Amino acid sequence: MSLGFKIYSYFNGSLVHQDSLGNKFYHDKKKPDKRWIIYADGLGPESIPTNYHNWLHNTSDTLDKNIHQLDDLVNNIKNRTQKHITTHKKNDSKGYNSWQPK
């Protein structure tokens, strides 16, 4: 996240919630319907639960602070990362067989 956007958020935004992952949820001080998120280091859109996503896109006015859902999300992200690391094939061959016309 750029320094300029963090400064903009500080002066023009109102911090609504910070989840256990470190994501910060803001809304504009003058227009509460304008909402955004500053992701924690190393995280992206996959790190926010559905109800937070709904709040960001103005389909819900409540920001549920359910810690159990966040813990489940953290465990899912860790499991997907571990699974990707352990199931990655070693590249022992020269890559691929190119197409040979007949």
N, C-alpha and C. Protein backbone atom coordinates (compact mmCIF):
# COMPACT_ATOMS: atom_id res chain seq x y z
N MET A 1 0.85 -1.16 0.00
CA MET A 1 0.00 0.00 0.00
C MET A 1 0.90 1.23 0.00
N SER A 2 0.53 2.21 -0.78
CA SER A 2 1.37 3.38 -0.91
C SER A 2 1.25 4.29 0.32
N LEU A 3 2.29 5.03 0.57
CA LEU A 3 2.32 5.97 1.68
C LEU A 3 1.26 7.04 1.51
N GLY A 4 1.05 7.48 0.27
CA GLY A 4 0.04 8.50 -0.01
C GLY A 4 -1.36 8.04 0.36
N PHE A 5 -1.68 6.79 0.08
CA PHE A 5 -3.01 6.27 0.41
C PHE A 5 -3.19 6.13 1.91
N LYS A 6 -2.12 5.76 2.61
CA LYS A 6 -2.20 5.68 4.08
C LYS A 6 -2.41 7.06 4.68
N ILE A 7 -1.76 8.08 4.13
CA ILE A 7 -1.95 9.45 4.60
C ILE A 7 -3.36 9.91 4.30
N TYR A 8 -3.86 9.61 3.09
CA TYR A 8 -5.24 9.94 2.72
C TYR A 8 -6.22 9.30 3.70
N SER A 9 -5.98 8.03 4.04
CA SER A 9 -6.86 7.32 4.96
C SER A 9 -6.83 7.94 6.34
N TYR A 10 -5.67 8.40 6.77
CA TYR A 10 -5.54 9.01 8.09
C TYR A 10 -6.36 10.30 8.19
N PHE A 11 -6.27 11.14 7.17
CA PHE A 11 -6.95 12.43 7.22
C PHE A 11 -8.42 12.39 6.79
N ASN A 12 -8.75 11.55 5.81
CA ASN A 12 -10.11 11.55 5.25
C ASN A 12 -10.96 10.36 5.69
N GLY A 13 -10.35 9.38 6.29
CA GLY A 13 -11.08 8.18 6.66
C GLY A 13 -11.26 8.04 8.15
N SER A 14 -12.23 7.25 8.49
CA SER A 14 -12.48 6.92 9.88
C SER A 14 -12.31 5.41 10.03
N LEU A 15 -11.40 4.99 10.89
CA LEU A 15 -11.14 3.57 11.10
C LEU A 15 -12.36 2.94 11.75
N VAL A 16 -12.93 1.94 11.09
CA VAL A 16 -14.13 1.27 11.59
C VAL A 16 -13.75 0.03 12.38
N HIS A 17 -12.79 -0.72 11.84
CA HIS A 17 -12.42 -1.99 12.48
C HIS A 17 -11.05 -2.43 12.00
N GLN A 18 -10.31 -3.09 12.87
CA GLN A 18 -9.08 -3.77 12.49
C GLN A 18 -9.23 -5.22 12.92
N ASP A 19 -9.14 -6.14 11.94
CA ASP A 19 -9.35 -7.55 12.26
C ASP A 19 -8.08 -8.18 12.82
N SER A 20 -8.18 -9.44 13.21
CA SER A 20 -7.06 -10.13 13.84
C SER A 20 -5.89 -10.36 12.89
N LEU A 21 -6.12 -10.26 11.59
CA LEU A 21 -5.05 -10.41 10.60
C LEU A 21 -4.27 -9.12 10.40
N GLY A 22 -4.84 -7.99 10.85
CA GLY A 22 -4.19 -6.69 10.67
C GLY A 22 -4.79 -5.85 9.58
N ASN A 23 -5.82 -6.35 8.87
CA ASN A 23 -6.51 -5.55 7.86
C ASN A 23 -7.27 -4.44 8.54
N LYS A 24 -7.25 -3.23 7.95
CA LYS A 24 -7.94 -2.08 8.53
C LYS A 24 -9.06 -1.64 7.61
N PHE A 25 -10.25 -1.49 8.16
CA PHE A 25 -11.44 -1.12 7.41
C PHE A 25 -11.81 0.33 7.71
N TYR A 26 -11.96 1.12 6.66
CA TYR A 26 -12.25 2.55 6.79
C TYR A 26 -13.53 2.92 6.06
N HIS A 27 -14.11 4.05 6.47
CA HIS A 27 -15.13 4.71 5.66
C HIS A 27 -14.82 6.19 5.67
N ASP A 28 -15.26 6.88 4.62
CA ASP A 28 -15.00 8.30 4.46
C ASP A 28 -15.73 9.08 5.55
N LYS A 29 -15.09 10.12 6.09
CA LYS A 29 -15.70 10.92 7.15
C LYS A 29 -16.91 11.70 6.65
N LYS A 30 -16.87 12.15 5.40
CA LYS A 30 -17.97 12.95 4.85
C LYS A 30 -19.03 12.09 4.18
N LYS A 31 -18.62 11.00 3.54
CA LYS A 31 -19.54 10.10 2.86
C LYS A 31 -19.35 8.69 3.41
N PRO A 32 -20.14 8.30 4.41
CA PRO A 32 -19.94 6.97 5.03
C PRO A 32 -20.14 5.80 4.06
N ASP A 33 -20.79 6.02 2.92
CA ASP A 33 -20.97 4.94 1.95
C ASP A 33 -19.68 4.62 1.19
N LYS A 34 -18.70 5.51 1.24
CA LYS A 34 -17.41 5.26 0.59
C LYS A 34 -16.54 4.50 1.58
N ARG A 35 -16.22 3.25 1.24
CA ARG A 35 -15.50 2.37 2.16
C ARG A 35 -14.30 1.75 1.47
N TRP A 36 -13.26 1.46 2.25
CA TRP A 36 -12.08 0.81 1.69
C TRP A 36 -11.35 0.05 2.78
N ILE A 37 -10.36 -0.70 2.34
CA ILE A 37 -9.57 -1.54 3.25
C ILE A 37 -8.09 -1.32 2.96
N ILE A 38 -7.31 -1.34 4.02
CA ILE A 38 -5.85 -1.37 3.87
C ILE A 38 -5.43 -2.75 4.37
N TYR A 39 -4.92 -3.57 3.46
CA TYR A 39 -4.55 -4.94 3.79
C TYR A 39 -3.28 -4.97 4.63
N ALA A 40 -3.18 -5.96 5.49
CA ALA A 40 -1.97 -6.19 6.26
C ALA A 40 -0.86 -6.64 5.31
N ASP A 41 0.37 -6.50 5.75
CA ASP A 41 1.50 -6.90 4.92
C ASP A 41 1.39 -8.36 4.50
N GLY A 42 1.54 -8.62 3.22
CA GLY A 42 1.52 -9.97 2.69
C GLY A 42 0.13 -10.53 2.43
N LEU A 43 -0.92 -9.76 2.67
CA LEU A 43 -2.28 -10.24 2.45
C LEU A 43 -2.95 -9.47 1.33
N GLY A 44 -4.00 -10.07 0.79
CA GLY A 44 -4.75 -9.44 -0.29
C GLY A 44 -6.23 -9.71 -0.12
N PRO A 45 -6.99 -9.58 -1.19
CA PRO A 45 -8.44 -9.73 -1.12
C PRO A 45 -8.91 -11.09 -0.60
N GLU A 46 -8.11 -12.12 -0.76
CA GLU A 46 -8.52 -13.44 -0.27
C GLU A 46 -8.52 -13.51 1.25
N SER A 47 -7.99 -12.49 1.91
CA SER A 47 -7.88 -12.52 3.37
C SER A 47 -9.09 -11.95 4.09
N ILE A 48 -10.10 -11.48 3.35
CA ILE A 48 -11.26 -10.91 4.04
C ILE A 48 -12.46 -11.85 3.94
N PRO A 49 -13.17 -12.03 5.05
CA PRO A 49 -14.36 -12.89 5.04
C PRO A 49 -15.49 -12.27 4.22
N THR A 50 -16.48 -13.07 3.91
CA THR A 50 -17.59 -12.65 3.06
C THR A 50 -18.34 -11.47 3.63
N ASN A 51 -18.62 -11.50 4.94
CA ASN A 51 -19.40 -10.41 5.52
C ASN A 51 -18.64 -9.09 5.46
N TYR A 52 -17.31 -9.11 5.54
CA TYR A 52 -16.53 -7.89 5.41
C TYR A 52 -16.56 -7.41 3.95
N HIS A 53 -16.50 -8.36 3.03
CA HIS A 53 -16.59 -8.02 1.61
C HIS A 53 -17.92 -7.36 1.31
N ASN A 54 -19.00 -7.90 1.87
CA ASN A 54 -20.32 -7.31 1.68
C ASN A 54 -20.37 -5.89 2.24
N TRP A 55 -19.76 -5.67 3.38
CA TRP A 55 -19.73 -4.33 3.96
C TRP A 55 -18.97 -3.35 3.04
N LEU A 56 -17.84 -3.81 2.51
CA LEU A 56 -17.05 -2.95 1.62
C LEU A 56 -17.82 -2.53 0.38
N HIS A 57 -18.68 -3.42 -0.13
CA HIS A 57 -19.43 -3.15 -1.36
C HIS A 57 -20.85 -2.66 -1.10
N ASN A 58 -21.07 -2.19 0.14
CA ASN A 58 -22.35 -1.58 0.53
C ASN A 58 -23.55 -2.50 0.36
N THR A 59 -23.36 -3.79 0.45
CA THR A 59 -24.51 -4.71 0.42
C THR A 59 -24.93 -5.08 1.84
N SER A 60 -24.16 -4.62 2.83
CA SER A 60 -24.49 -4.84 4.23
C SER A 60 -24.02 -3.61 5.00
N ASP A 61 -24.80 -3.20 5.99
CA ASP A 61 -24.41 -2.04 6.79
C ASP A 61 -23.74 -2.43 8.10
N THR A 62 -23.74 -3.70 8.41
CA THR A 62 -23.11 -4.14 9.66
C THR A 62 -21.80 -4.82 9.36
N LEU A 63 -20.84 -4.53 10.20
CA LEU A 63 -19.52 -5.15 10.08
C LEU A 63 -19.38 -6.12 11.23
N ASP A 64 -19.67 -7.39 10.95
CA ASP A 64 -19.63 -8.42 11.98
C ASP A 64 -18.19 -8.67 12.39
N LYS A 65 -17.94 -8.64 13.67
CA LYS A 65 -16.58 -8.83 14.19
C LYS A 65 -16.42 -10.22 14.79
N ASN A 66 -16.85 -11.23 14.04
CA ASN A 66 -16.83 -12.59 14.52
C ASN A 66 -15.41 -13.15 14.43
N ILE A 67 -14.76 -13.31 15.57
CA ILE A 67 -13.37 -13.75 15.61
C ILE A 67 -13.22 -15.19 15.12
N HIS A 68 -14.21 -16.04 15.39
CA HIS A 68 -14.12 -17.44 14.96
C HIS A 68 -14.02 -17.54 13.44
N GLN A 69 -14.77 -16.70 12.74
CA GLN A 69 -14.71 -16.73 11.29
C GLN A 69 -13.32 -16.31 10.80
N LEU A 70 -12.71 -15.33 11.47
CA LEU A 70 -11.37 -14.89 11.08
C LEU A 70 -10.34 -15.98 11.35
N ASP A 71 -10.48 -16.67 12.49
CA ASP A 71 -9.56 -17.76 12.79
C ASP A 71 -9.67 -18.87 11.76
N ASP A 72 -10.90 -19.21 11.36
CA ASP A 72 -11.09 -20.21 10.32
C ASP A 72 -10.44 -19.77 9.02
N LEU A 73 -10.56 -18.49 8.70
CA LEU A 73 -9.96 -17.97 7.47
C LEU A 73 -8.44 -18.08 7.52
N VAL A 74 -7.85 -17.73 8.65
CA VAL A 74 -6.39 -17.83 8.79
C VAL A 74 -5.95 -19.27 8.61
N ASN A 75 -6.67 -20.21 9.23
CA ASN A 75 -6.32 -21.62 9.08
C ASN A 75 -6.46 -22.09 7.64
N ASN A 76 -7.50 -21.62 6.92
CA ASN A 76 -7.68 -22.00 5.52
C ASN A 76 -6.54 -21.48 4.67
N ILE A 77 -6.13 -20.24 4.91
CA ILE A 77 -5.03 -19.65 4.12
C ILE A 77 -3.75 -20.44 4.39
N LYS A 78 -3.48 -20.77 5.66
CA LYS A 78 -2.28 -21.54 5.99
C LYS A 78 -2.32 -22.92 5.35
N ASN A 79 -3.51 -23.58 5.38
CA ASN A 79 -3.63 -24.91 4.78
C ASN A 79 -3.42 -24.87 3.28
N ARG A 80 -3.98 -23.85 2.60
CA ARG A 80 -3.79 -23.75 1.14
C ARG A 80 -2.33 -23.52 0.81
N THR A 81 -1.66 -22.70 1.60
CA THR A 81 -0.24 -22.43 1.35
C THR A 81 0.57 -23.69 1.58
N GLN A 82 0.33 -24.41 2.68
CA GLN A 82 1.05 -25.65 2.95
C GLN A 82 0.79 -26.69 1.88
N LYS A 83 -0.46 -26.82 1.45
CA LYS A 83 -0.82 -27.80 0.43
C LYS A 83 -0.09 -27.50 -0.88
N HIS A 84 -0.02 -26.22 -1.24
CA HIS A 84 0.67 -25.83 -2.47
C HIS A 84 2.15 -26.18 -2.39
N ILE A 85 2.74 -25.96 -1.23
CA ILE A 85 4.16 -26.23 -1.07
C ILE A 85 4.43 -27.73 -1.12
N THR A 86 3.59 -28.53 -0.47
CA THR A 86 3.86 -29.97 -0.39
C THR A 86 3.47 -30.72 -1.65
N THR A 87 2.53 -30.20 -2.45
CA THR A 87 2.10 -30.93 -3.64
C THR A 87 2.77 -30.43 -4.91
N HIS A 88 3.67 -29.49 -4.79
CA HIS A 88 4.35 -28.97 -5.97
C HIS A 88 5.31 -30.03 -6.51
N LYS A 89 5.21 -30.30 -7.81
CA LYS A 89 6.05 -31.32 -8.43
C LYS A 89 7.48 -30.82 -8.58
N LYS A 90 8.39 -31.73 -8.41
CA LYS A 90 9.78 -31.41 -8.70
C LYS A 90 9.97 -31.52 -10.20
N ASN A 91 10.68 -30.61 -10.76
CA ASN A 91 10.88 -30.58 -12.20
C ASN A 91 12.16 -31.35 -12.54
N ASP A 92 12.05 -32.70 -12.60
CA ASP A 92 13.20 -33.54 -12.92
C ASP A 92 13.39 -33.71 -14.42
N SER A 93 12.31 -33.54 -15.18
CA SER A 93 12.41 -33.70 -16.63
C SER A 93 12.87 -32.38 -17.25
N LYS A 94 13.03 -32.38 -18.55
CA LYS A 94 13.47 -31.16 -19.22
C LYS A 94 12.30 -30.20 -19.46
N GLY A 95 11.14 -30.48 -18.92
CA GLY A 95 10.04 -29.54 -19.03
C GLY A 95 8.83 -30.14 -19.70
N TYR A 96 8.87 -30.21 -21.04
CA TYR A 96 7.71 -30.69 -21.78
C TYR A 96 8.19 -31.28 -23.10
N ASN A 97 7.31 -32.02 -23.73
CA ASN A 97 7.60 -32.56 -25.05
C ASN A 97 6.95 -31.64 -26.07
N SER A 98 7.72 -31.11 -26.94
CA SER A 98 7.15 -30.22 -27.95
C SER A 98 6.39 -31.02 -29.01
N TRP A 99 5.46 -30.36 -29.65
CA TRP A 99 4.63 -30.98 -30.68
C TRP A 99 5.48 -31.24 -31.92
N GLN A 100 5.35 -32.45 -32.46
CA GLN A 100 6.08 -32.83 -33.66
C GLN A 100 5.08 -33.11 -34.77
N PRO A 101 5.10 -32.35 -35.85
CA PRO A 101 4.14 -32.62 -36.96
C PRO A 101 4.48 -33.92 -37.65
N LYS A 102 3.46 -34.59 -38.21
CA LYS A 102 3.68 -35.87 -38.90
C LYS A 102 3.84 -35.63 -40.38
